[in-house]
Amino acid sequence: MASCEMPPAGPPANHAPASRIITLPNILSVSRLVLLPVVLLLIMKRQGGAAAALMLVSWLTDALDGWFARRLRQVSNLGRVLDHLVDKVWVGSVLVTLVFTSDLPLLVAAAVIIRDILILAGSSVIMKAKGSFVSSDVVGKMTGCAFALMILFYTLQLPALMPYRAIVDYTVLVLIAVSGINYVAVFLRRMSRFRLPGEENHNGG
């Protein structure tokens, strides 16, 4: 299941020093927002190859911000929230654009966006109530990879692969349902402090 980590000790709230805000991981997260308008423009101009290349750069920064955060000991709840918020905005914006330019089914895009909004809302409730942050588990990471592949599929629109559209769409919808159930279970466990047998001695769960 998702891991839950207590925030590191630090200065009082509302007075976070710049050194905790302007960090390399946070800069990498914001860079994805800077690249987003260019990605959307390339999609609208149907320059799929260039758009896909910039998407790969964006996803690389997504991987690197977490790596640098751990490497430089700059892990913080602020960084985690920023990273997840940027991810949701990025994915939602690209999906809406693909609905209008590449015939991505509205149902699929809406399901992804609604799922992401509910996850953000649930994570905010847990953070305020428990002072901890729920990070993605294996199911969440698999679902995220499926979203990325679907985005590339509709961005590139390779003729040889288009007959498999239905398989791509249904696979993503199934993963959305599975990950949604998984996050609901995580939410209920965190809020109720419920633990499965053998988890009593683990802080993260």
Protein backbone atom coordinates (compact mmCIF):
# COMPACT_ATOMS: atom_id res chain seq x y z
CA MET A 1 0.00 0.00 0.00
CA ALA A 2 1.05 3.65 -0.09
CA SER A 3 3.68 4.79 2.33
CA CYS A 4 2.97 7.48 4.89
CA GLU A 5 5.83 9.53 6.27
CA MET A 6 5.91 12.10 9.05
CA PRO A 7 7.13 15.53 7.91
CA PRO A 8 10.67 16.42 8.94
CA ALA A 9 11.19 18.74 11.88
CA GLY A 10 11.60 22.35 10.87
CA PRO A 11 10.76 25.96 11.63
CA PRO A 12 7.22 27.00 12.58
CA ALA A 13 4.58 26.92 9.86
CA ASN A 14 4.03 30.01 7.69
CA HIS A 15 7.69 30.99 8.01
CA ALA A 16 9.47 28.42 5.87
CA PRO A 17 12.93 29.71 4.89
CA ALA A 18 13.71 30.20 1.21
CA SER A 19 16.24 27.38 1.44
CA ARG A 20 13.33 24.98 2.03
CA ILE A 21 11.28 26.39 -0.85
CA ILE A 22 13.76 27.27 -3.59
CA THR A 23 15.40 23.87 -3.91
CA LEU A 24 16.59 21.95 -6.95
CA PRO A 25 13.75 19.38 -6.68
CA ASN A 26 11.14 22.16 -6.51
CA ILE A 27 12.74 23.98 -9.44
CA LEU A 28 12.55 20.76 -11.48
CA SER A 29 8.88 20.39 -10.56
CA VAL A 30 8.11 23.95 -11.67
CA SER A 31 10.06 23.39 -14.90
CA ARG A 32 7.38 20.92 -15.96
CA LEU A 33 4.83 23.72 -15.77
CA VAL A 34 7.11 25.93 -17.87
CA LEU A 35 7.33 23.23 -20.54
CA LEU A 36 3.60 22.48 -20.46
CA PRO A 37 2.40 25.33 -22.74
CA VAL A 38 4.97 24.33 -25.34
CA VAL A 39 3.82 20.71 -25.18
CA LEU A 40 0.19 21.76 -25.60
CA LEU A 41 1.05 24.02 -28.54
CA LEU A 42 2.92 21.21 -30.29
CA ILE A 43 -0.02 18.85 -29.76
CA MET A 44 -2.45 21.41 -31.21
CA LYS A 45 -0.16 21.88 -34.21
CA ARG A 46 -0.12 18.07 -34.57
CA GLN A 47 3.65 17.89 -34.22
CA GLY A 48 3.45 14.62 -32.34
CA GLY A 49 7.13 13.72 -32.46
CA ALA A 50 8.28 17.04 -31.00
CA ALA A 51 5.51 16.97 -28.38
CA ALA A 52 6.46 13.43 -27.36
CA ALA A 53 10.13 14.44 -27.05
CA LEU A 54 9.24 17.28 -24.67
CA MET A 55 6.97 14.95 -22.74
CA LEU A 56 9.90 12.62 -22.18
CA VAL A 57 11.96 15.57 -20.92
CA SER A 58 9.14 16.49 -18.53
CA TRP A 59 8.88 12.94 -17.24
CA LEU A 60 12.65 12.85 -16.78
CA THR A 61 12.48 15.93 -14.54
CA ASP A 62 9.68 14.18 -12.63
CA ALA A 63 11.99 11.28 -11.91
CA LEU A 64 14.97 13.48 -11.14
CA ASP A 65 13.23 15.76 -8.64
CA GLY A 66 12.56 12.84 -6.32
CA TRP A 67 16.08 11.49 -6.78
CA PHE A 68 17.67 14.87 -6.03
CA ALA A 69 15.35 15.40 -3.06
CA ARG A 70 16.62 12.21 -1.46
CA ARG A 71 20.22 12.71 -2.56
CA LEU A 72 20.40 16.31 -1.30
CA ARG A 73 18.23 15.62 1.75
CA GLN A 74 15.66 18.13 0.57
CA VAL A 75 12.61 15.90 1.02
CA SER A 76 9.68 17.89 2.40
CA ASN A 77 5.90 17.79 2.39
CA LEU A 78 5.95 21.07 0.43
CA GLY A 79 8.02 19.40 -2.28
CA ARG A 80 5.77 16.35 -2.34
CA VAL A 81 2.62 18.47 -2.64
CA LEU A 82 4.17 20.62 -5.38
CA ASP A 83 5.31 17.56 -7.30
CA HIS A 84 1.89 15.90 -7.18
CA LEU A 85 0.01 19.12 -7.95
CA VAL A 86 2.17 19.81 -10.99
CA ASP A 87 1.69 16.22 -12.17
CA LYS A 88 -2.11 16.48 -11.94
CA VAL A 89 -2.21 19.86 -13.73
CA TRP A 90 0.16 18.57 -16.41
CA VAL A 91 -1.76 15.36 -17.08
CA GLY A 92 -5.17 17.05 -16.99
CA SER A 93 -4.12 19.79 -19.42
CA VAL A 94 -2.60 17.33 -21.89
CA LEU A 95 -5.64 15.03 -21.75
CA VAL A 96 -8.09 17.86 -22.40
CA THR A 97 -6.00 18.96 -25.37
CA LEU A 98 -5.89 15.41 -26.74
CA VAL A 99 -9.70 15.16 -26.48
CA PHE A 100 -10.02 18.06 -28.93
CA THR A 101 -7.10 17.25 -31.22
CA SER A 102 -6.62 13.49 -31.23
CA ASP A 103 -10.05 11.96 -30.52
CA LEU A 104 -9.14 10.80 -27.04
CA PRO A 105 -12.47 9.61 -25.56
CA LEU A 106 -13.93 12.22 -23.22
CA LEU A 107 -14.92 9.45 -20.79
CA VAL A 108 -11.30 8.36 -20.39
CA ALA A 109 -10.00 11.90 -19.90
CA ALA A 110 -12.76 12.73 -17.42
CA ALA A 111 -12.14 9.54 -15.45
CA VAL A 112 -8.42 10.33 -15.11
CA ILE A 113 -9.03 13.95 -14.10
CA ILE A 114 -11.74 13.11 -11.56
CA ARG A 115 -9.52 10.41 -10.04
CA ASP A 116 -6.64 12.87 -9.71
CA ILE A 117 -8.84 15.54 -8.11
CA LEU A 118 -10.17 13.05 -5.57
CA ILE A 119 -6.64 11.86 -4.76
CA LEU A 120 -5.47 15.45 -4.20
CA ALA A 121 -8.47 16.14 -1.98
CA GLY A 122 -7.94 12.96 0.03
CA SER A 123 -4.23 13.64 0.43
CA SER A 124 -4.98 17.17 1.68
CA VAL A 125 -7.40 15.81 4.28
CA ILE A 126 -4.84 13.27 5.51
CA MET A 127 -2.09 15.88 5.68
CA LYS A 128 -4.23 18.30 7.69
CA ALA A 129 -5.63 15.62 9.98
CA LYS A 130 -2.57 13.44 10.48
CA GLY A 131 0.37 15.65 9.53
CA SER A 132 1.59 13.05 7.07
CA PHE A 133 1.73 12.56 3.33
CA VAL A 134 0.57 9.54 1.33
CA SER A 135 2.93 8.76 -1.53
CA SER A 136 2.25 6.57 -4.55
CA ASP A 137 2.45 2.82 -4.12
CA VAL A 138 2.95 0.13 -6.76
CA VAL A 139 -0.65 0.35 -8.01
CA GLY A 140 -0.41 4.13 -8.32
CA LYS A 141 2.89 3.94 -10.18
CA MET A 142 1.54 1.31 -12.60
CA THR A 143 -1.50 3.48 -13.28
CA GLY A 144 0.73 6.52 -13.85
CA CYS A 145 2.81 4.55 -16.37
CA ALA A 146 -0.39 3.52 -18.15
CA PHE A 147 -1.45 7.18 -18.36
CA ALA A 148 1.94 8.08 -19.85
CA LEU A 149 1.72 5.34 -22.48
CA MET A 150 -1.83 6.37 -23.36
CA ILE A 151 -0.75 9.99 -23.74
CA LEU A 152 2.08 8.96 -26.06
CA PHE A 153 -0.30 6.70 -27.99
CA TYR A 154 -2.72 9.54 -28.74
CA THR A 155 0.03 12.12 -29.26
CA LEU A 156 1.95 10.12 -31.84
CA GLN A 157 -1.10 8.46 -33.43
CA LEU A 158 0.99 5.90 -35.27
CA PRO A 159 -1.22 4.30 -37.95
CA ALA A 160 0.04 0.80 -37.18
CA LEU A 161 -1.09 1.09 -33.57
CA MET A 162 -4.44 2.84 -33.97
CA PRO A 163 -6.42 -0.44 -34.32
CA TYR A 164 -5.52 -1.06 -30.65
CA ARG A 165 -7.23 2.10 -29.38
CA ALA A 166 -9.99 0.20 -27.61
CA ILE A 167 -7.47 -1.98 -25.75
CA VAL A 168 -5.58 1.11 -24.58
CA ASP A 169 -8.76 2.88 -23.45
CA TYR A 170 -10.23 -0.09 -21.57
CA THR A 171 -6.91 -0.91 -19.91
CA VAL A 172 -6.63 2.63 -18.56
CA LEU A 173 -10.25 2.60 -17.34
CA VAL A 174 -9.70 -0.69 -15.48
CA LEU A 175 -6.53 0.66 -13.85
CA ILE A 176 -8.38 3.83 -12.84
CA ALA A 177 -11.01 1.72 -11.09
CA VAL A 178 -8.42 -0.48 -9.37
CA SER A 179 -6.25 2.45 -8.26
CA GLY A 180 -9.33 4.33 -7.08
CA ILE A 181 -10.36 1.46 -4.83
CA ASN A 182 -6.78 1.21 -3.62
CA TYR A 183 -6.61 4.90 -2.69
CA VAL A 184 -9.97 4.72 -0.89
CA ALA A 185 -8.61 1.84 1.17
CA VAL A 186 -5.44 3.81 1.94
CA PHE A 187 -7.48 6.86 2.92
CA LEU A 188 -9.72 4.91 5.28
CA ARG A 189 -6.77 3.16 6.89
CA ARG A 190 -4.86 6.40 7.45
CA MET A 191 -7.86 8.22 8.88
CA SER A 192 -8.93 5.32 11.11
CA ARG A 193 -5.39 4.24 12.07
CA PHE A 194 -6.39 0.73 11.00
CA ARG A 195 -3.53 -1.66 10.26
CA LEU A 196 -3.46 -5.12 8.75
CA PRO A 197 -1.99 -7.94 10.90
CA GLY A 198 1.77 -7.57 11.13
CA GLU A 199 1.76 -3.81 10.40
CA GLU A 200 1.46 -2.60 14.01
CA ASN A 201 5.19 -1.95 14.33
CA HIS A 202 5.59 -0.07 11.04
CA ASN A 203 5.43 3.69 11.08
CA GLY A 204 4.71 4.15 7.38
CA GLY A 205 2.22 1.37 6.64
